[in-house]
Amino acid sequence: MNKELSFYKETTTDIFNKIINDNPQLEDAAKVIAREIGRGGLIHVIGPGGHSNMAAEEVLWRAGGLVPINAILDAGTNLIHGAKRSNYVERTVGYAKQILDSYQIGKTPKEVIVIVNAYGINPMTIDTVLEAKKRDMISIGITSNSFAQKLSLDHPSRHPSGKNLFEEADYFINCHLPYGDAVVEIDGLDQKTGPTATLCNVFAINALMIEAVKQMVKMNIAPPLWMSANLPGGDEANKEYEQEYMPRIKHL
């Protein structure tokens, strides 16, 4: 293995270790998810902007994943409609309210929403967490405080308020995004390569879901979990869940 790939592996492994070992609110956030599923609720998951959408996709209809995941996959910020376009949309103040309205989220008190954005500063992200507060929802933010604290308050990517997701969410899960996202230096090249944001987000949300399943078992709540549809018996095992949740989960 060459030095660049070795460094990338070591750096991402270090990030994963930090996510596991340096997140004091992980267990409490997982208990919130466990209790909400135990009472028959859905767990709303949104990645407000660009590649952050992949964290919501990661936990929707996933082998070994929790069934009651309501992924909010807005076409406006999905890269399939244009990468730069998604960047414009995620910087649009007020856009998030319309998305939550369209998914009819926050109609009952204490619904749970997981907001995943490694940078944690753009208008759509901040509007989402502020809207969650207005709707009496419980918010779990997966983001990086180290990045948000370093970026100037007047940066064009920021919400006009200068607020940060890690400060506004009810529970904060640190995904430990390195400043600048890319981490690998190549001799003779100024710009680093080897992005990490999606790896940070996806590992952190899977860690949260694993802990939530563990907490459900402790609470004597049977965790509703998907089986891989590619395994023998997978379609049969999933059929009951599909029939129950397809009317409730838009993208299922």
C-alpha atoms as a PDB file:
ATOM      1  CA  MET A   1       0.000   0.000   0.000  1.00  0.00           C
ATOM      2  CA  ASN A   2       1.445   3.393  -0.940  1.00  0.00           C
ATOM      3  CA  LYS A   3       1.871   6.165   1.624  1.00  0.00           C
ATOM      4  CA  GLU A   4      -1.140   8.190   0.454  1.00  0.00           C
ATOM      5  CA  LEU A   5      -3.586   5.296   0.725  1.00  0.00           C
ATOM      6  CA  SER A   6      -2.035   4.220   4.000  1.00  0.00           C
ATOM      7  CA  PHE A   7      -2.500   7.732   5.396  1.00  0.00           C
ATOM      8  CA  TYR A   8      -6.105   7.818   4.175  1.00  0.00           C
ATOM      9  CA  LYS A   9      -6.859   4.499   5.873  1.00  0.00           C
ATOM     10  CA  GLU A  10      -5.199   5.561   9.111  1.00  0.00           C
ATOM     11  CA  THR A  11      -6.935   8.940   9.124  1.00  0.00           C
ATOM     12  CA  THR A  12     -10.416   7.537   8.525  1.00  0.00           C
ATOM     13  CA  THR A  13      -9.826   4.813  11.121  1.00  0.00           C
ATOM     14  CA  ASP A  14      -8.839   7.515  13.618  1.00  0.00           C
ATOM     15  CA  ILE A  15     -12.030   9.417  12.801  1.00  0.00           C
ATOM     16  CA  PHE A  16     -14.127   6.288  13.379  1.00  0.00           C
ATOM     17  CA  ASN A  17     -12.405   5.723  16.728  1.00  0.00           C
ATOM     18  CA  LYS A  18     -13.193   9.295  17.752  1.00  0.00           C
ATOM     19  CA  ILE A  19     -16.853   8.885  16.778  1.00  0.00           C
ATOM     20  CA  ILE A  20     -17.128   5.803  18.983  1.00  0.00           C
ATOM     21  CA  ASN A  21     -15.070   7.072  21.921  1.00  0.00           C
ATOM     22  CA  ASP A  22     -15.790  10.810  21.962  1.00  0.00           C
ATOM     23  CA  ASN A  23     -19.572  11.141  21.827  1.00  0.00           C
ATOM     24  CA  PRO A  24     -21.010  11.388  25.329  1.00  0.00           C
ATOM     25  CA  GLN A  25     -24.567  11.996  24.048  1.00  0.00           C
ATOM     26  CA  LEU A  26     -24.662   8.973  21.741  1.00  0.00           C
ATOM     27  CA  GLU A  27     -26.350   6.658  24.227  1.00  0.00           C
ATOM     28  CA  ASP A  28     -28.946   9.233  25.297  1.00  0.00           C
ATOM     29  CA  ALA A  29     -29.756  10.045  21.663  1.00  0.00           C
ATOM     30  CA  ALA A  30     -30.117   6.329  20.941  1.00  0.00           C
ATOM     31  CA  LYS A  31     -32.559   5.989  23.844  1.00  0.00           C
ATOM     32  CA  VAL A  32     -34.684   8.755  22.324  1.00  0.00           C
ATOM     33  CA  ILE A  33     -34.837   6.804  19.050  1.00  0.00           C
ATOM     34  CA  ALA A  34     -35.604   3.552  20.846  1.00  0.00           C
ATOM     35  CA  ARG A  35     -38.463   5.087  22.824  1.00  0.00           C
ATOM     36  CA  GLU A  36     -39.953   6.754  19.745  1.00  0.00           C
ATOM     37  CA  ILE A  37     -39.975   3.492  17.797  1.00  0.00           C
ATOM     38  CA  GLY A  38     -41.330   1.721  20.873  1.00  0.00           C
ATOM     39  CA  ARG A  39     -44.341   4.023  20.878  1.00  0.00           C
ATOM     40  CA  GLY A  40     -44.954   3.406  17.181  1.00  0.00           C
ATOM     41  CA  GLY A  41     -43.334   6.545  15.794  1.00  0.00           C
ATOM     42  CA  LEU A  42     -41.077   7.127  12.821  1.00  0.00           C
ATOM     43  CA  ILE A  43     -37.528   8.455  12.926  1.00  0.00           C
ATOM     44  CA  HIS A  44     -37.205  11.273  10.396  1.00  0.00           C
ATOM     45  CA  VAL A  45     -33.739  11.573   8.854  1.00  0.00           C
ATOM     46  CA  ILE A  46     -32.576  14.444   6.663  1.00  0.00           C
ATOM     47  CA  GLY A  47     -29.235  15.355   5.128  1.00  0.00           C
ATOM     48  CA  PRO A  48     -29.738  19.013   4.259  1.00  0.00           C
ATOM     49  CA  GLY A  49     -27.647  19.577   1.169  1.00  0.00           C
ATOM     50  CA  GLY A  50     -25.607  17.744  -1.454  1.00  0.00           C
ATOM     51  CA  HIS A  51     -23.710  14.673  -0.316  1.00  0.00           C
ATOM     52  CA  SER A  52     -25.363  14.810   3.120  1.00  0.00           C
ATOM     53  CA  ASN A  53     -28.384  13.178   1.485  1.00  0.00           C
ATOM     54  CA  MET A  54     -26.410   9.943   1.398  1.00  0.00           C
ATOM     55  CA  ALA A  55     -26.661   9.593   5.169  1.00  0.00           C
ATOM     56  CA  ALA A  56     -30.457   9.563   4.914  1.00  0.00           C
ATOM     57  CA  GLU A  57     -30.297   7.078   2.046  1.00  0.00           C
ATOM     58  CA  GLU A  58     -27.913   4.881   4.051  1.00  0.00           C
ATOM     59  CA  VAL A  59     -30.486   4.116   6.745  1.00  0.00           C
ATOM     60  CA  LEU A  60     -33.550   3.711   4.522  1.00  0.00           C
ATOM     61  CA  TRP A  61     -34.532   0.085   3.747  1.00  0.00           C
ATOM     62  CA  ARG A  62     -31.081  -1.079   4.814  1.00  0.00           C
ATOM     63  CA  ALA A  63     -30.060  -4.657   5.577  1.00  0.00           C
ATOM     64  CA  GLY A  64     -29.930  -4.951   9.350  1.00  0.00           C
ATOM     65  CA  GLY A  65     -31.294  -1.428   9.674  1.00  0.00           C
ATOM     66  CA  LEU A  66     -34.310  -0.179  11.571  1.00  0.00           C
ATOM     67  CA  VAL A  67     -37.561  -0.269   9.622  1.00  0.00           C
ATOM     68  CA  PRO A  68     -39.308   2.938  10.825  1.00  0.00           C
ATOM     69  CA  ILE A  69     -36.856   5.343   9.154  1.00  0.00           C
ATOM     70  CA  ASN A  70     -38.525   8.157   7.245  1.00  0.00           C
ATOM     71  CA  ALA A  71     -35.802   9.467   4.958  1.00  0.00           C
ATOM     72  CA  ILE A  72     -36.396  13.012   3.733  1.00  0.00           C
ATOM     73  CA  LEU A  73     -34.897  13.019   0.248  1.00  0.00           C
ATOM     74  CA  ASP A  74     -35.547  16.406  -1.266  1.00  0.00           C
ATOM     75  CA  ALA A  75     -35.034  16.614  -5.022  1.00  0.00           C
ATOM     76  CA  GLY A  76     -33.842  20.206  -4.717  1.00  0.00           C
ATOM     77  CA  THR A  77     -30.656  19.253  -2.888  1.00  0.00           C
ATOM     78  CA  ASN A  78     -30.078  15.888  -4.551  1.00  0.00           C
ATOM     79  CA  LEU A  79     -27.016  15.833  -6.781  1.00  0.00           C
ATOM     80  CA  ILE A  80     -28.903  14.044  -9.554  1.00  0.00           C
ATOM     81  CA  HIS A  81     -30.464  17.372 -10.518  1.00  0.00           C
ATOM     82  CA  GLY A  82     -27.144  19.223 -10.546  1.00  0.00           C
ATOM     83  CA  ALA A  83     -24.329  19.440  -8.020  1.00  0.00           C
ATOM     84  CA  LYS A  84     -23.966  23.211  -8.102  1.00  0.00           C
ATOM     85  CA  ARG A  85     -27.736  23.581  -8.128  1.00  0.00           C
ATOM     86  CA  SER A  86     -27.894  21.665  -4.851  1.00  0.00           C
ATOM     87  CA  ASN A  87     -25.362  24.112  -3.427  1.00  0.00           C
ATOM     88  CA  TYR A  88     -27.570  27.058  -4.364  1.00  0.00           C
ATOM     89  CA  VAL A  89     -30.641  25.397  -2.879  1.00  0.00           C
ATOM     90  CA  GLU A  90     -29.024  24.480   0.449  1.00  0.00           C
ATOM     91  CA  ARG A  91     -28.108  28.154   0.849  1.00  0.00           C
ATOM     92  CA  THR A  92     -31.716  29.287   0.374  1.00  0.00           C
ATOM     93  CA  VAL A  93     -33.130  30.661   3.616  1.00  0.00           C
ATOM     94  CA  GLY A  94     -36.644  29.385   4.363  1.00  0.00           C
ATOM     95  CA  TYR A  95     -36.446  26.396   2.040  1.00  0.00           C
ATOM     96  CA  ALA A  96     -36.358  23.788   4.816  1.00  0.00           C
ATOM     97  CA  LYS A  97     -39.766  24.783   6.200  1.00  0.00           C
ATOM     98  CA  GLN A  98     -41.425  23.960   2.910  1.00  0.00           C
ATOM     99  CA  ILE A  99     -39.733  20.551   2.817  1.00  0.00           C
ATOM    100  CA  LEU A 100     -40.864  19.634   6.335  1.00  0.00           C
ATOM    101  CA  ASP A 101     -44.361  20.816   5.452  1.00  0.00           C
ATOM    102  CA  SER A 102     -44.437  18.693   2.301  1.00  0.00           C
ATOM    103  CA  TYR A 103     -43.470  15.587   4.278  1.00  0.00           C
ATOM    104  CA  GLN A 104     -46.008  16.529   6.984  1.00  0.00           C
ATOM    105  CA  ILE A 105     -43.369  16.339   9.685  1.00  0.00           C
ATOM    106  CA  GLY A 106     -43.892  17.627  13.197  1.00  0.00           C
ATOM    107  CA  LYS A 107     -47.648  17.138  13.353  1.00  0.00           C
ATOM    108  CA  THR A 108     -47.477  15.447  16.758  1.00  0.00           C
ATOM    109  CA  PRO A 109     -45.407  16.492  19.801  1.00  0.00           C
ATOM    110  CA  LYS A 110     -41.907  15.092  20.339  1.00  0.00           C
ATOM    111  CA  GLU A 111     -41.378  13.513  16.927  1.00  0.00           C
ATOM    112  CA  VAL A 112     -37.692  12.674  16.421  1.00  0.00           C
ATOM    113  CA  ILE A 113     -35.601  14.067  13.590  1.00  0.00           C
ATOM    114  CA  VAL A 114     -31.957  13.257  12.838  1.00  0.00           C
ATOM    115  CA  ILE A 115     -30.218  16.076  10.948  1.00  0.00           C
ATOM    116  CA  VAL A 116     -26.993  15.004   9.257  1.00  0.00           C
ATOM    117  CA  ASN A 117     -24.637  17.603   7.851  1.00  0.00           C
ATOM    118  CA  ALA A 118     -20.924  17.365   8.555  1.00  0.00           C
ATOM    119  CA  TYR A 119     -20.389  21.101   8.101  1.00  0.00           C
ATOM    120  CA  GLY A 120     -23.511  22.032  10.061  1.00  0.00           C
ATOM    121  CA  ILE A 121     -23.719  25.662   9.011  1.00  0.00           C
ATOM    122  CA  ASN A 122     -25.716  26.104   5.797  1.00  0.00           C
ATOM    123  CA  PRO A 123     -29.143  27.804   5.764  1.00  0.00           C
ATOM    124  CA  MET A 124     -31.117  24.634   5.060  1.00  0.00           C
ATOM    125  CA  THR A 125     -29.444  22.806   7.946  1.00  0.00           C
ATOM    126  CA  ILE A 126     -29.997  25.610  10.443  1.00  0.00           C
ATOM    127  CA  ASP A 127     -33.550  26.278   9.279  1.00  0.00           C
ATOM    128  CA  THR A 128     -34.300  22.567   9.708  1.00  0.00           C
ATOM    129  CA  VAL A 129     -33.191  22.483  13.337  1.00  0.00           C
ATOM    130  CA  LEU A 130     -34.934  25.782  14.106  1.00  0.00           C
ATOM    131  CA  GLU A 131     -38.144  24.509  12.500  1.00  0.00           C
ATOM    132  CA  ALA A 132     -37.865  21.338  14.549  1.00  0.00           C
ATOM    133  CA  LYS A 133     -37.825  23.466  17.697  1.00  0.00           C
ATOM    134  CA  LYS A 134     -40.908  25.377  16.563  1.00  0.00           C
ATOM    135  CA  ARG A 135     -42.709  22.088  15.977  1.00  0.00           C
ATOM    136  CA  ASP A 136     -41.818  20.678  19.407  1.00  0.00           C
ATOM    137  CA  MET A 137     -39.674  17.959  17.863  1.00  0.00           C
ATOM    138  CA  ILE A 138     -36.603  16.294  19.362  1.00  0.00           C
ATOM    139  CA  SER A 139     -33.578  16.925  17.159  1.00  0.00           C
ATOM    140  CA  ILE A 140     -30.388  14.886  16.916  1.00  0.00           C
ATOM    141  CA  GLY A 141     -27.605  16.635  15.011  1.00  0.00           C
ATOM    142  CA  ILE A 142     -24.796  14.657  13.392  1.00  0.00           C
ATOM    143  CA  THR A 143     -22.162  17.242  12.514  1.00  0.00           C
ATOM    144  CA  SER A 144     -18.698  18.552  13.346  1.00  0.00           C
ATOM    145  CA  ASN A 145     -18.149  21.295  15.902  1.00  0.00           C
ATOM    146  CA  SER A 146     -14.459  21.648  15.044  1.00  0.00           C
ATOM    147  CA  PHE A 147     -15.271  22.722  11.502  1.00  0.00           C
ATOM    148  CA  ALA A 148     -18.138  25.026  12.456  1.00  0.00           C
ATOM    149  CA  GLN A 149     -16.087  26.792  15.111  1.00  0.00           C
ATOM    150  CA  LYS A 150     -13.284  27.574  12.659  1.00  0.00           C
ATOM    151  CA  LEU A 151     -15.350  28.926   9.754  1.00  0.00           C
ATOM    152  CA  SER A 152     -15.895  32.693   9.789  1.00  0.00           C
ATOM    153  CA  LEU A 153     -19.389  33.878  10.650  1.00  0.00           C
ATOM    154  CA  ASP A 154     -19.689  35.847   7.404  1.00  0.00           C
ATOM    155  CA  HIS A 155     -18.832  32.948   5.077  1.00  0.00           C
ATOM    156  CA  PRO A 156     -21.387  32.717   2.215  1.00  0.00           C
ATOM    157  CA  SER A 157     -22.140  29.078   3.096  1.00  0.00           C
ATOM    158  CA  ARG A 158     -23.464  30.089   6.495  1.00  0.00           C
ATOM    159  CA  HIS A 159     -26.991  30.765   7.674  1.00  0.00           C
ATOM    160  CA  PRO A 160     -27.423  34.543   8.127  1.00  0.00           C
ATOM    161  CA  SER A 161     -27.766  34.012  11.874  1.00  0.00           C
ATOM    162  CA  GLY A 162     -24.303  32.449  12.089  1.00  0.00           C
ATOM    163  CA  LYS A 163     -25.773  29.585  14.113  1.00  0.00           C
ATOM    164  CA  ASN A 164     -24.254  26.089  14.210  1.00  0.00           C
ATOM    165  CA  LEU A 165     -26.120  22.776  14.164  1.00  0.00           C
ATOM    166  CA  PHE A 166     -24.072  21.348  17.028  1.00  0.00           C
ATOM    167  CA  GLU A 167     -25.267  24.166  19.305  1.00  0.00           C
ATOM    168  CA  GLU A 168     -28.927  24.134  18.241  1.00  0.00           C
ATOM    169  CA  ALA A 169     -29.735  20.402  18.193  1.00  0.00           C
ATOM    170  CA  ASP A 170     -31.104  18.769  21.349  1.00  0.00           C
ATOM    171  CA  TYR A 171     -28.493  16.022  21.016  1.00  0.00           C
ATOM    172  CA  PHE A 172     -25.123  16.424  19.306  1.00  0.00           C
ATOM    173  CA  ILE A 173     -23.246  13.517  17.712  1.00  0.00           C
ATOM    174  CA  ASN A 174     -19.788  14.641  16.616  1.00  0.00           C
ATOM    175  CA  CYS A 175     -18.823  13.121  13.256  1.00  0.00           C
ATOM    176  CA  HIS A 176     -15.318  14.615  13.657  1.00  0.00           C
ATOM    177  CA  LEU A 177     -15.006  16.004  10.137  1.00  0.00           C
ATOM    178  CA  PRO A 178     -11.450  17.276   9.540  1.00  0.00           C
ATOM    179  CA  TYR A 179     -11.256  20.919   8.549  1.00  0.00           C
ATOM    180  CA  GLY A 180     -11.372  21.124   4.754  1.00  0.00           C
ATOM    181  CA  ASP A 181     -12.866  17.610   4.378  1.00  0.00           C
ATOM    182  CA  ALA A 182     -10.096  16.249   2.105  1.00  0.00           C
ATOM    183  CA  VAL A 183      -7.087  14.935   4.034  1.00  0.00           C
ATOM    184  CA  VAL A 184      -4.512  13.394   1.696  1.00  0.00           C
ATOM    185  CA  GLU A 185      -1.504  15.361   0.502  1.00  0.00           C
ATOM    186  CA  ILE A 186       0.239  14.383  -2.737  1.00  0.00           C
ATOM    187  CA  ASP A 187       3.734  15.639  -3.453  1.00  0.00           C
ATOM    188  CA  GLY A 188       3.684  18.434  -6.024  1.00  0.00           C
ATOM    189  CA  LEU A 189      -0.017  19.231  -5.491  1.00  0.00           C
ATOM    190  CA  ASP A 190      -1.387  22.089  -3.396  1.00  0.00           C
ATOM    191  CA  GLN A 191      -4.983  20.888  -3.057  1.00  0.00           C
ATOM    192  CA  LYS A 192      -5.570  17.903  -0.784  1.00  0.00           C
ATOM    193  CA  THR A 193      -7.570  14.905  -2.023  1.00  0.00           C
ATOM    194  CA  GLY A 194      -9.309  12.017  -0.228  1.00  0.00           C
ATOM    195  CA  PRO A 195     -12.656  13.389   1.063  1.00  0.00           C
ATOM    196  CA  THR A 196     -13.997  12.227   4.417  1.00  0.00           C
ATOM    197  CA  ALA A 197     -17.369  13.904   5.036  1.00  0.00           C
ATOM    198  CA  THR A 198     -19.606  11.090   3.778  1.00  0.00           C
ATOM    199  CA  LEU A 199     -17.566   8.468   5.632  1.00  0.00           C
ATOM    200  CA  CYS A 200     -17.898  10.545   8.818  1.00  0.00           C
ATOM    201  CA  ASN A 201     -21.650  10.978   8.400  1.00  0.00           C
ATOM    202  CA  VAL A 202     -22.454   7.398   7.473  1.00  0.00           C
ATOM    203  CA  PHE A 203     -20.315   5.828  10.187  1.00  0.00           C
ATOM    204  CA  ALA A 204     -21.806   8.160  12.801  1.00  0.00           C
ATOM    205  CA  ILE A 205     -25.423   7.498  11.853  1.00  0.00           C
ATOM    206  CA  ASN A 206     -24.848   3.737  11.702  1.00  0.00           C
ATOM    207  CA  ALA A 207     -23.234   3.905  15.153  1.00  0.00           C
ATOM    208  CA  LEU A 208     -26.298   5.766  16.409  1.00  0.00           C
ATOM    209  CA  MET A 209     -28.677   3.192  14.914  1.00  0.00           C
ATOM    210  CA  ILE A 210     -26.698   0.258  16.308  1.00  0.00           C
ATOM    211  CA  GLU A 211     -26.846   1.823  19.761  1.00  0.00           C
ATOM    212  CA  ALA A 212     -30.584   2.441  19.326  1.00  0.00           C
ATOM    213  CA  VAL A 213     -31.151  -1.247  18.530  1.00  0.00           C
ATOM    214  CA  LYS A 214     -29.141  -2.173  21.636  1.00  0.00           C
ATOM    215  CA  GLN A 215     -31.234   0.179  23.771  1.00  0.00           C
ATOM    216  CA  MET A 216     -34.466  -1.284  22.377  1.00  0.00           C
ATOM    217  CA  VAL A 217     -33.352  -4.760  23.423  1.00  0.00           C
ATOM    218  CA  LYS A 218     -32.582  -3.404  26.911  1.00  0.00           C
ATOM    219  CA  MET A 219     -36.074  -1.876  27.021  1.00  0.00           C
ATOM    220  CA  ASN A 220     -37.660  -5.178  25.974  1.00  0.00           C
ATOM    221  CA  ILE A 221     -38.781  -3.629  22.690  1.00  0.00           C
ATOM    222  CA  ALA A 222     -38.438  -5.945  19.710  1.00  0.00           C
ATOM    223  CA  PRO A 223     -36.371  -3.973  17.148  1.00  0.00           C
ATOM    224  CA  PRO A 224     -38.023  -3.997  13.709  1.00  0.00           C
ATOM    225  CA  LEU A 225     -35.100  -4.739  11.390  1.00  0.00           C
ATOM    226  CA  TRP A 226     -34.842  -5.297   7.657  1.00  0.00           C
ATOM    227  CA  MET A 227     -33.270  -8.444   6.262  1.00  0.00           C
ATOM    228  CA  SER A 228     -31.253  -8.145   3.071  1.00  0.00           C
ATOM    229  CA  ALA A 229     -33.601  -8.700   0.137  1.00  0.00           C
ATOM    230  CA  ASN A 230     -30.698 -10.491  -1.550  1.00  0.00           C
ATOM    231  CA  LEU A 231     -30.633 -13.265   1.057  1.00  0.00           C
ATOM    232  CA  PRO A 232     -32.774 -16.391   0.797  1.00  0.00           C
ATOM    233  CA  GLY A 233     -36.025 -15.606   2.590  1.00  0.00           C
ATOM    234  CA  GLY A 234     -35.343 -11.872   2.595  1.00  0.00           C
ATOM    235  CA  ASP A 235     -38.388 -10.869   0.577  1.00  0.00           C
ATOM    236  CA  GLU A 236     -40.637 -12.998   2.748  1.00  0.00           C
ATOM    237  CA  ALA A 237     -39.152 -11.634   5.978  1.00  0.00           C
ATOM    238  CA  ASN A 238     -39.605  -8.037   4.856  1.00  0.00           C
ATOM    239  CA  LYS A 239     -43.092  -8.334   3.394  1.00  0.00           C
ATOM    240  CA  GLU A 240     -44.977  -7.644   6.621  1.00  0.00           C
ATOM    241  CA  TYR A 241     -42.917  -4.538   7.354  1.00  0.00           C
ATOM    242  CA  GLU A 242     -43.331  -3.282   3.795  1.00  0.00           C
ATOM    243  CA  GLN A 243     -47.102  -3.596   3.974  1.00  0.00           C
ATOM    244  CA  GLU A 244     -47.213  -1.837   7.342  1.00  0.00           C
ATOM    245  CA  TYR A 245     -44.848   1.043   6.594  1.00  0.00           C
ATOM    246  CA  MET A 246     -45.253   1.796   2.881  1.00  0.00           C
ATOM    247  CA  PRO A 247     -48.317   3.991   3.595  1.00  0.00           C
ATOM    248  CA  ARG A 248     -46.299   5.926   6.217  1.00  0.00           C
ATOM    249  CA  ILE A 249     -42.831   6.236   4.648  1.00  0.00           C
ATOM    250  CA  LYS A 250     -42.830   8.187   1.394  1.00  0.00           C
ATOM    251  CA  HIS A 251     -39.696   6.736  -0.174  1.00  0.00           C
ATOM    252  CA  LEU A 252     -40.280   3.129   0.889  1.00  0.00           C
END
